[in-house]
């Protein structure tokens, strides 16, 4: 049986490489059809990290946000035409919008509509743990980032939302696929 799911990419560079490696691993090792939706800022980040063409060539379908409902993917998600929606990486901005019910981007709208249709949503939010993190820049250099309390509180709220499961690393989606 082919597993069809949607992978959303937002405008965060933290663990973007690991997210793309996970997409590639899943595509190589599982009977899947991945539809990838990329936010406007996600497109920018993928290009900055020189991963845009790689993702576009791996996945079954590839769409870039033109508006909150363009391309029209929320309806098929809501109707269960896909097994689940996974957003990785999810920026702090995307998480904030989701927890406050704002669905004004393609990915936040898809999350809202998918949950309404009782289809599972999995999210890897980048700002999860208190303290500093080290992220890798496109040139390979390391950058130390401080987690903001507001972002940590939003992730806490995200964990409490019905229909959403928060993952701690992009590759944890592989375990979900193995359980299907």
N, C-alpha and C. Protein backbone atom coordinates (compact mmCIF):
# COMPACT_ATOMS: atom_id res chain seq x y z
N UNK A 1 0.83 -1.17 0.00
CA UNK A 1 0.00 0.00 0.00
C UNK A 1 0.89 1.25 0.00
N UNK A 2 0.58 2.18 -0.84
CA UNK A 2 1.31 3.44 -0.91
C UNK A 2 0.77 4.39 0.15
N UNK A 3 1.66 4.98 0.91
CA UNK A 3 1.29 5.96 1.92
C UNK A 3 1.47 7.34 1.31
N UNK A 4 0.37 8.10 1.25
CA UNK A 4 0.41 9.47 0.75
C UNK A 4 0.32 10.43 1.93
N UNK A 5 1.28 11.36 1.99
CA UNK A 5 1.20 12.38 3.03
C UNK A 5 1.78 13.68 2.52
N UNK A 6 1.52 14.75 3.28
CA UNK A 6 1.98 16.08 2.91
C UNK A 6 3.05 16.51 3.92
N UNK A 7 4.15 17.03 3.38
CA UNK A 7 5.25 17.55 4.20
C UNK A 7 5.32 19.05 3.97
N UNK A 8 5.15 19.83 5.02
CA UNK A 8 5.23 21.29 4.93
C UNK A 8 6.58 21.78 5.42
N UNK A 9 7.15 22.73 4.71
CA UNK A 9 8.43 23.34 5.09
C UNK A 9 8.21 24.84 5.23
N UNK A 10 8.56 25.37 6.42
CA UNK A 10 8.43 26.80 6.67
C UNK A 10 9.80 27.46 6.67
N UNK A 11 9.84 28.73 7.02
CA UNK A 11 11.05 29.53 6.90
C UNK A 11 12.01 29.45 8.06
N UNK A 12 12.43 28.27 8.43
CA UNK A 12 13.44 28.10 9.47
C UNK A 12 14.59 27.28 8.92
N UNK A 13 15.80 27.72 9.20
CA UNK A 13 16.98 26.97 8.77
C UNK A 13 17.42 25.92 9.77
N UNK A 14 16.94 26.02 11.01
CA UNK A 14 17.36 25.06 12.02
C UNK A 14 16.85 23.66 11.68
N UNK A 15 17.74 22.74 11.56
CA UNK A 15 17.48 21.35 11.19
C UNK A 15 16.81 21.21 9.82
N UNK A 16 17.00 22.17 8.95
CA UNK A 16 16.48 22.04 7.58
C UNK A 16 17.21 20.92 6.84
N UNK A 17 18.52 20.83 7.05
CA UNK A 17 19.29 19.76 6.41
C UNK A 17 18.79 18.40 6.87
N UNK A 18 18.55 18.25 8.18
CA UNK A 18 18.06 16.99 8.72
C UNK A 18 16.64 16.69 8.22
N UNK A 19 15.84 17.71 8.03
CA UNK A 19 14.49 17.51 7.48
C UNK A 19 14.58 16.97 6.06
N UNK A 20 15.45 17.57 5.25
CA UNK A 20 15.61 17.13 3.85
C UNK A 20 16.20 15.72 3.80
N UNK A 21 17.16 15.43 4.67
CA UNK A 21 17.72 14.07 4.72
C UNK A 21 16.64 13.05 5.08
N UNK A 22 15.72 13.43 5.95
CA UNK A 22 14.63 12.54 6.33
C UNK A 22 13.67 12.33 5.16
N UNK A 23 13.37 13.39 4.44
CA UNK A 23 12.53 13.25 3.24
C UNK A 23 13.17 12.27 2.27
N UNK A 24 14.46 12.42 2.06
CA UNK A 24 15.19 11.55 1.13
C UNK A 24 15.19 10.10 1.61
N UNK A 25 15.42 9.89 2.88
CA UNK A 25 15.43 8.53 3.45
C UNK A 25 14.05 7.87 3.29
N UNK A 26 13.01 8.61 3.62
CA UNK A 26 11.66 8.06 3.50
C UNK A 26 11.35 7.72 2.05
N UNK A 27 11.71 8.62 1.13
CA UNK A 27 11.45 8.37 -0.28
C UNK A 27 12.20 7.13 -0.77
N UNK A 28 13.42 6.93 -0.29
CA UNK A 28 14.24 5.80 -0.73
C UNK A 28 13.83 4.47 -0.12
N UNK A 29 13.30 4.50 1.11
CA UNK A 29 13.11 3.25 1.84
C UNK A 29 11.65 2.83 2.05
N UNK A 30 10.71 3.70 1.70
CA UNK A 30 9.31 3.40 1.96
C UNK A 30 8.48 3.56 0.70
N UNK A 31 7.34 2.90 0.68
CA UNK A 31 6.41 3.01 -0.43
C UNK A 31 5.50 4.22 -0.16
N UNK A 32 6.00 5.40 -0.52
CA UNK A 32 5.31 6.65 -0.19
C UNK A 32 5.20 7.55 -1.42
N UNK A 33 4.25 8.46 -1.32
CA UNK A 33 4.14 9.58 -2.25
C UNK A 33 4.06 10.83 -1.39
N UNK A 34 5.14 11.59 -1.39
CA UNK A 34 5.21 12.79 -0.56
C UNK A 34 4.84 14.00 -1.41
N UNK A 35 3.84 14.72 -0.95
CA UNK A 35 3.51 16.02 -1.52
C UNK A 35 4.12 17.05 -0.60
N UNK A 36 4.96 17.91 -1.14
CA UNK A 36 5.65 18.92 -0.34
C UNK A 36 5.03 20.29 -0.61
N UNK A 37 4.67 20.97 0.48
CA UNK A 37 4.19 22.34 0.38
C UNK A 37 5.19 23.23 1.10
N UNK A 38 5.56 24.30 0.44
CA UNK A 38 6.62 25.17 0.95
C UNK A 38 6.07 26.58 1.10
N UNK A 39 6.24 27.15 2.29
CA UNK A 39 5.81 28.53 2.51
C UNK A 39 6.71 29.47 1.71
N UNK A 40 6.27 30.70 1.58
CA UNK A 40 7.08 31.69 0.85
C UNK A 40 8.46 31.82 1.49
N UNK A 41 8.51 31.88 2.81
CA UNK A 41 9.80 31.98 3.50
C UNK A 41 10.54 30.65 3.46
N UNK A 42 9.80 29.54 3.43
CA UNK A 42 10.43 28.23 3.29
C UNK A 42 11.18 28.12 1.98
N UNK A 43 10.62 28.69 0.92
CA UNK A 43 11.31 28.70 -0.38
C UNK A 43 12.63 29.44 -0.26
N UNK A 44 12.60 30.59 0.39
CA UNK A 44 13.81 31.38 0.58
C UNK A 44 14.88 30.60 1.34
N UNK A 45 14.48 29.95 2.43
CA UNK A 45 15.43 29.19 3.24
C UNK A 45 15.99 28.00 2.47
N UNK A 46 15.14 27.26 1.77
CA UNK A 46 15.63 26.13 0.97
C UNK A 46 16.65 26.60 -0.07
N UNK A 47 16.39 27.72 -0.69
CA UNK A 47 17.34 28.24 -1.68
C UNK A 47 18.63 28.71 -1.02
N UNK A 48 18.51 29.35 0.14
CA UNK A 48 19.69 29.84 0.86
C UNK A 48 20.60 28.67 1.25
N UNK A 49 20.01 27.54 1.65
CA UNK A 49 20.77 26.36 2.02
C UNK A 49 21.09 25.47 0.81
N UNK A 50 20.71 25.91 -0.37
CA UNK A 50 20.93 25.16 -1.61
C UNK A 50 20.30 23.76 -1.57
N UNK A 51 19.08 23.71 -1.04
CA UNK A 51 18.33 22.46 -0.93
C UNK A 51 17.04 22.46 -1.75
N UNK A 52 16.73 23.58 -2.37
CA UNK A 52 15.47 23.75 -3.09
C UNK A 52 15.32 22.69 -4.19
N UNK A 53 16.30 22.60 -5.09
CA UNK A 53 16.20 21.65 -6.21
C UNK A 53 16.21 20.21 -5.72
N UNK A 54 16.98 19.95 -4.67
CA UNK A 54 17.03 18.59 -4.13
C UNK A 54 15.65 18.13 -3.67
N UNK A 55 14.98 18.96 -2.87
CA UNK A 55 13.65 18.60 -2.38
C UNK A 55 12.68 18.46 -3.56
N UNK A 56 12.72 19.42 -4.45
CA UNK A 56 11.81 19.41 -5.60
C UNK A 56 11.95 18.12 -6.42
N UNK A 57 13.17 17.60 -6.51
CA UNK A 57 13.42 16.40 -7.30
C UNK A 57 13.13 15.10 -6.55
N UNK A 58 13.05 15.16 -5.24
CA UNK A 58 12.79 13.95 -4.44
C UNK A 58 11.30 13.65 -4.36
N UNK A 59 10.52 14.67 -4.06
CA UNK A 59 9.11 14.45 -3.72
C UNK A 59 8.24 14.19 -4.95
N UNK A 60 7.07 13.60 -4.68
CA UNK A 60 6.12 13.26 -5.75
C UNK A 60 5.50 14.52 -6.36
N UNK A 61 5.05 15.44 -5.47
CA UNK A 61 4.49 16.72 -5.91
C UNK A 61 5.11 17.81 -5.06
N UNK A 62 5.30 18.99 -5.65
CA UNK A 62 5.98 20.09 -4.99
C UNK A 62 5.24 21.38 -5.28
N UNK A 63 4.79 22.05 -4.21
CA UNK A 63 4.04 23.29 -4.38
C UNK A 63 4.62 24.39 -3.51
N UNK A 64 4.64 25.59 -4.05
CA UNK A 64 5.06 26.78 -3.31
C UNK A 64 3.83 27.62 -3.04
N UNK A 65 3.75 28.14 -1.84
CA UNK A 65 2.62 28.96 -1.42
C UNK A 65 2.42 30.16 -2.34
N UNK A 66 1.18 30.31 -2.78
CA UNK A 66 0.76 31.51 -3.49
C UNK A 66 -0.23 32.30 -2.64
N UNK A 67 -0.87 31.62 -1.72
CA UNK A 67 -1.84 32.22 -0.81
C UNK A 67 -2.28 31.18 0.20
N UNK A 68 -3.13 31.54 1.15
CA UNK A 68 -3.55 30.61 2.19
C UNK A 68 -4.27 29.36 1.68
N UNK A 69 -4.83 29.44 0.49
CA UNK A 69 -5.52 28.28 -0.06
C UNK A 69 -5.06 27.97 -1.48
N UNK A 70 -3.87 28.47 -1.80
CA UNK A 70 -3.30 28.20 -3.12
C UNK A 70 -1.88 27.74 -2.97
N UNK A 71 -1.55 26.57 -3.47
CA UNK A 71 -2.40 25.63 -4.18
C UNK A 71 -3.44 25.00 -3.23
N UNK A 72 -4.49 24.50 -3.82
CA UNK A 72 -5.58 23.93 -3.02
C UNK A 72 -5.19 22.54 -2.54
N UNK A 73 -4.68 22.50 -1.32
CA UNK A 73 -4.27 21.23 -0.72
C UNK A 73 -5.01 20.97 0.59
N UNK A 74 -5.53 22.05 1.21
CA UNK A 74 -6.23 21.91 2.49
C UNK A 74 -7.46 21.02 2.37
N UNK A 75 -8.21 21.16 1.28
CA UNK A 75 -9.42 20.34 1.08
C UNK A 75 -9.10 18.86 1.02
N UNK A 76 -8.17 18.45 0.14
CA UNK A 76 -7.80 17.03 0.10
C UNK A 76 -7.25 16.50 1.43
N UNK A 77 -6.50 17.35 2.15
CA UNK A 77 -6.02 16.93 3.48
C UNK A 77 -7.21 16.69 4.41
N UNK A 78 -8.12 17.65 4.45
CA UNK A 78 -9.28 17.58 5.34
C UNK A 78 -10.14 16.35 5.02
N UNK A 79 -10.26 16.01 3.75
CA UNK A 79 -11.09 14.88 3.33
C UNK A 79 -10.40 13.53 3.53
N UNK A 80 -9.15 13.54 3.99
CA UNK A 80 -8.45 12.28 4.25
C UNK A 80 -7.80 11.66 3.03
N UNK A 81 -7.60 12.44 1.99
CA UNK A 81 -6.92 11.91 0.81
C UNK A 81 -5.43 11.66 1.09
N UNK A 82 -4.95 12.24 2.17
CA UNK A 82 -3.59 12.02 2.63
C UNK A 82 -3.66 11.41 4.03
N UNK A 83 -2.69 10.59 4.38
CA UNK A 83 -2.67 9.90 5.67
C UNK A 83 -2.42 10.86 6.83
N UNK A 84 -1.57 11.88 6.59
CA UNK A 84 -1.28 12.87 7.63
C UNK A 84 -0.58 14.07 7.00
N UNK A 85 -0.45 15.11 7.82
CA UNK A 85 0.31 16.31 7.48
C UNK A 85 1.47 16.41 8.45
N UNK A 86 2.66 16.65 7.93
CA UNK A 86 3.85 16.84 8.77
C UNK A 86 4.50 18.16 8.39
N UNK A 87 4.76 19.01 9.39
CA UNK A 87 5.43 20.28 9.16
C UNK A 87 6.79 20.22 9.85
N UNK A 88 7.85 20.28 9.04
CA UNK A 88 9.22 20.22 9.57
C UNK A 88 10.18 20.86 8.58
N UNK A 89 10.90 21.87 9.00
CA UNK A 89 10.83 22.51 10.30
C UNK A 89 9.67 23.52 10.34
N UNK A 90 9.15 23.73 11.54
CA UNK A 90 8.11 24.73 11.75
C UNK A 90 8.73 25.91 12.50
N UNK A 91 8.71 27.05 11.88
CA UNK A 91 9.29 28.25 12.48
C UNK A 91 8.47 28.70 13.69
N UNK A 92 9.09 29.54 14.52
CA UNK A 92 8.38 30.12 15.65
C UNK A 92 7.16 30.90 15.22
N UNK A 93 7.25 31.58 14.08
CA UNK A 93 6.13 32.35 13.56
C UNK A 93 4.96 31.43 13.19
N UNK A 94 5.26 30.33 12.53
CA UNK A 94 4.21 29.38 12.15
C UNK A 94 3.55 28.79 13.39
N UNK A 95 4.34 28.39 14.37
CA UNK A 95 3.80 27.83 15.60
C UNK A 95 2.91 28.85 16.31
N UNK A 96 3.37 30.10 16.39
CA UNK A 96 2.57 31.15 17.04
C UNK A 96 1.22 31.31 16.36
N UNK A 97 1.21 31.31 15.04
CA UNK A 97 -0.05 31.44 14.31
C UNK A 97 -0.97 30.25 14.58
N UNK A 98 -0.42 29.05 14.57
CA UNK A 98 -1.24 27.86 14.79
C UNK A 98 -1.89 27.90 16.17
N UNK A 99 -1.11 28.19 17.21
CA UNK A 99 -1.67 28.14 18.57
C UNK A 99 -2.66 29.27 18.83
N UNK A 100 -2.59 30.32 18.03
CA UNK A 100 -3.55 31.42 18.20
C UNK A 100 -4.65 31.40 17.14
N UNK A 101 -4.75 30.30 16.41
CA UNK A 101 -5.85 30.12 15.47
C UNK A 101 -5.76 30.95 14.21
N UNK A 102 -4.58 31.42 13.87
CA UNK A 102 -4.41 32.22 12.66
C UNK A 102 -4.04 31.29 11.51
N UNK A 103 -4.87 31.31 10.48
CA UNK A 103 -4.68 30.40 9.34
C UNK A 103 -4.54 31.22 8.05
N UNK A 104 -3.60 32.13 8.05
CA UNK A 104 -3.47 33.06 6.91
C UNK A 104 -2.31 32.73 5.97
N UNK A 105 -1.72 31.54 6.13
CA UNK A 105 -0.70 31.08 5.19
C UNK A 105 -1.11 29.69 4.72
N UNK A 106 -0.49 29.21 3.70
CA UNK A 106 -0.81 27.88 3.18
C UNK A 106 -0.65 26.82 4.27
N UNK A 107 0.46 26.86 4.98
CA UNK A 107 0.72 25.82 5.96
C UNK A 107 -0.17 25.96 7.18
N UNK A 108 -0.36 27.16 7.70
CA UNK A 108 -1.24 27.31 8.87
C UNK A 108 -2.69 26.97 8.52
N UNK A 109 -3.12 27.30 7.32
CA UNK A 109 -4.46 26.93 6.87
C UNK A 109 -4.58 25.42 6.74
N UNK A 110 -3.56 24.78 6.18
CA UNK A 110 -3.60 23.32 6.05
C UNK A 110 -3.65 22.65 7.42
N UNK A 111 -2.89 23.16 8.39
CA UNK A 111 -2.95 22.60 9.74
C UNK A 111 -4.37 22.73 10.29
N UNK A 112 -4.95 23.90 10.21
CA UNK A 112 -6.30 24.12 10.74
C UNK A 112 -7.32 23.21 10.08
N UNK A 113 -7.30 23.13 8.77
CA UNK A 113 -8.30 22.33 8.05
C UNK A 113 -8.08 20.84 8.23
N UNK A 114 -6.82 20.42 8.33
CA UNK A 114 -6.51 19.01 8.53
C UNK A 114 -7.04 18.54 9.88
N UNK A 115 -6.80 19.35 10.91
CA UNK A 115 -7.30 19.01 12.25
C UNK A 115 -8.82 18.91 12.24
N UNK A 116 -9.47 19.84 11.56
CA UNK A 116 -10.94 19.82 11.49
C UNK A 116 -11.45 18.53 10.87
N UNK A 117 -10.68 17.95 9.96
CA UNK A 117 -11.08 16.71 9.30
C UNK A 117 -10.63 15.46 10.04
N UNK A 118 -10.12 15.60 11.25
CA UNK A 118 -9.67 14.47 12.07
C UNK A 118 -8.53 13.68 11.43
N UNK A 119 -7.73 14.37 10.62
CA UNK A 119 -6.55 13.76 10.03
C UNK A 119 -5.36 14.19 10.89
N UNK A 120 -4.47 13.27 11.25
CA UNK A 120 -3.37 13.62 12.15
C UNK A 120 -2.42 14.67 11.57
N UNK A 121 -1.94 15.54 12.47
CA UNK A 121 -0.94 16.55 12.14
C UNK A 121 0.25 16.34 13.06
N UNK A 122 1.42 16.27 12.47
CA UNK A 122 2.68 16.15 13.21
C UNK A 122 3.50 17.39 12.90
N UNK A 123 4.13 17.93 13.94
CA UNK A 123 4.90 19.16 13.75
C UNK A 123 6.22 19.04 14.49
N UNK A 124 7.30 19.41 13.81
CA UNK A 124 8.60 19.58 14.46
C UNK A 124 8.85 21.08 14.57
N UNK A 125 8.59 21.69 15.75
CA UNK A 125 8.87 23.11 15.93
C UNK A 125 10.34 23.31 16.34
N UNK A 126 10.98 24.29 15.76
CA UNK A 126 12.41 24.47 16.02
C UNK A 126 12.71 25.01 17.41
N UNK A 127 11.83 25.77 18.00
CA UNK A 127 12.09 26.43 19.29
C UNK A 127 11.41 25.66 20.42
N UNK A 128 12.02 24.54 20.83
CA UNK A 128 11.35 23.65 21.79
C UNK A 128 11.93 23.62 23.19
N UNK A 129 13.21 23.84 23.30
CA UNK A 129 13.87 23.55 24.58
C UNK A 129 14.55 24.79 25.14
N UNK A 130 14.39 24.98 26.43
CA UNK A 130 14.95 26.14 27.12
C UNK A 130 16.48 26.13 27.00
N UNK A 131 17.03 27.33 26.90
CA UNK A 131 18.48 27.46 26.81
C UNK A 131 18.92 27.78 25.40
N UNK A 132 20.20 27.68 25.19
CA UNK A 132 20.78 27.98 23.88
C UNK A 132 20.84 26.73 23.02
N UNK A 133 20.78 26.95 21.71
CA UNK A 133 21.01 25.87 20.75
C UNK A 133 22.08 26.32 19.77
N UNK A 134 22.68 25.37 19.13
CA UNK A 134 23.64 25.65 18.07
C UNK A 134 23.01 25.19 16.77
N UNK A 135 22.93 26.10 15.82
CA UNK A 135 22.40 25.77 14.50
C UNK A 135 23.51 25.94 13.47
N UNK A 136 23.35 25.28 12.35
CA UNK A 136 24.35 25.32 11.29
C UNK A 136 23.86 26.24 10.18
N UNK A 137 24.70 27.20 9.80
CA UNK A 137 24.38 28.14 8.73
C UNK A 137 24.68 27.51 7.37
N UNK A 138 24.18 28.09 6.29
CA UNK A 138 24.43 27.52 4.96
C UNK A 138 25.91 27.36 4.62
N UNK A 139 26.76 28.22 5.18
CA UNK A 139 28.20 28.11 4.90
C UNK A 139 28.91 27.12 5.81
N UNK A 140 28.14 26.41 6.65
CA UNK A 140 28.71 25.40 7.54
C UNK A 140 29.13 25.92 8.90
N UNK A 141 29.13 27.22 9.08
CA UNK A 141 29.49 27.79 10.38
C UNK A 141 28.37 27.57 11.37
N UNK A 142 28.75 27.57 12.65
CA UNK A 142 27.78 27.37 13.72
C UNK A 142 27.33 28.73 14.25
N UNK A 143 26.05 28.78 14.66
CA UNK A 143 25.48 29.98 15.23
C UNK A 143 24.74 29.61 16.51
N UNK A 144 25.07 30.29 17.60
CA UNK A 144 24.41 30.06 18.88
C UNK A 144 23.16 30.93 18.96
N UNK A 145 22.03 30.30 19.29
CA UNK A 145 20.75 31.01 19.40
C UNK A 145 20.15 30.81 20.78
N UNK A 146 19.54 31.86 21.30
CA UNK A 146 18.84 31.80 22.58
C UNK A 146 17.36 31.57 22.31
N UNK A 147 16.77 30.63 23.02
CA UNK A 147 15.35 30.38 22.87
C UNK A 147 14.58 31.44 23.66
N UNK A 148 13.58 32.01 23.01
CA UNK A 148 12.74 33.02 23.66
C UNK A 148 11.61 32.35 24.44
N UNK A 149 11.28 32.92 25.56
CA UNK A 149 10.21 32.37 26.41
C UNK A 149 8.89 32.32 25.65
N UNK A 150 8.59 33.33 24.87
CA UNK A 150 7.32 33.35 24.13
C UNK A 150 7.24 32.17 23.16
N UNK A 151 8.35 31.82 22.51
CA UNK A 151 8.34 30.68 21.58
C UNK A 151 8.19 29.36 22.34
N UNK A 152 8.87 29.24 23.47
CA UNK A 152 8.75 28.03 24.29
C UNK A 152 7.32 27.85 24.80
N UNK A 153 6.70 28.95 25.21
CA UNK A 153 5.31 28.88 25.67
C UNK A 153 4.36 28.49 24.54
N UNK A 154 4.62 28.97 23.34
CA UNK A 154 3.79 28.59 22.20
C UNK A 154 3.91 27.10 21.89
N UNK A 155 5.11 26.55 21.99
CA UNK A 155 5.28 25.11 21.76
C UNK A 155 4.56 24.31 22.84
N UNK A 156 4.59 24.80 24.06
CA UNK A 156 3.85 24.14 25.15
C UNK A 156 2.36 24.10 24.81
N UNK A 157 1.83 25.21 24.31
CA UNK A 157 0.42 25.26 23.91
C UNK A 157 0.15 24.33 22.72
N UNK A 158 1.10 24.29 21.79
CA UNK A 158 0.97 23.42 20.61
C UNK A 158 0.85 21.96 21.05
N UNK A 159 1.62 21.56 22.04
CA UNK A 159 1.59 20.18 22.55
C UNK A 159 0.22 19.81 23.14
N UNK A 160 -0.54 20.81 23.56
CA UNK A 160 -1.83 20.57 24.19
C UNK A 160 -3.00 20.61 23.20
N UNK A 161 -2.73 20.93 21.95
CA UNK A 161 -3.80 21.05 20.97
C UNK A 161 -4.28 19.69 20.47
N UNK A 162 -5.59 19.55 20.38
CA UNK A 162 -6.17 18.32 19.83
C UNK A 162 -5.76 18.16 18.38
N UNK A 163 -5.39 16.94 18.02
CA UNK A 163 -5.09 16.63 16.63
C UNK A 163 -3.65 16.87 16.22
N UNK A 164 -2.83 17.43 17.12
CA UNK A 164 -1.43 17.72 16.79
C UNK A 164 -0.51 16.93 17.71
N UNK A 165 0.49 16.32 17.11
CA UNK A 165 1.56 15.66 17.86
C UNK A 165 2.85 16.39 17.55
N UNK A 166 3.54 16.82 18.60
CA UNK A 166 4.80 17.53 18.45
C UNK A 166 5.94 16.51 18.51
N UNK A 167 6.81 16.57 17.52
CA UNK A 167 7.97 15.69 17.47
C UNK A 167 9.21 16.46 17.91
N UNK A 168 10.20 15.75 18.43
CA UNK A 168 11.41 16.37 18.95
C UNK A 168 12.55 16.44 17.95
N UNK A 169 12.41 15.76 16.83
CA UNK A 169 13.43 15.76 15.78
C UNK A 169 12.73 15.43 14.47
N UNK A 170 13.20 16.00 13.36
CA UNK A 170 12.54 15.72 12.07
C UNK A 170 12.41 14.24 11.74
N UNK A 171 13.41 13.43 12.10
CA UNK A 171 13.38 12.02 11.70
C UNK A 171 12.43 11.16 12.53
N UNK A 172 11.81 11.71 13.57
CA UNK A 172 10.84 10.93 14.35
C UNK A 172 9.61 10.56 13.53
N UNK A 173 9.40 11.21 12.41
CA UNK A 173 8.26 10.87 11.55
C UNK A 173 8.41 9.46 10.98
N UNK A 174 9.64 8.98 10.90
CA UNK A 174 9.87 7.63 10.38
C UNK A 174 9.19 6.60 11.28
N UNK A 175 9.23 6.78 12.59
CA UNK A 175 8.56 5.88 13.50
C UNK A 175 7.04 5.89 13.27
N UNK A 176 6.50 7.08 13.00
CA UNK A 176 5.05 7.19 12.72
C UNK A 176 4.73 6.38 11.47
N UNK A 177 5.52 6.52 10.43
CA UNK A 177 5.29 5.79 9.18
C UNK A 177 5.39 4.28 9.42
N UNK A 178 6.36 3.87 10.23
CA UNK A 178 6.51 2.45 10.53
C UNK A 178 5.29 1.87 11.26
N UNK A 179 4.57 2.72 11.99
CA UNK A 179 3.39 2.26 12.74
C UNK A 179 2.13 2.22 11.90
N UNK A 180 2.17 2.77 10.68
CA UNK A 180 0.98 2.78 9.83
C UNK A 180 0.71 1.41 9.22
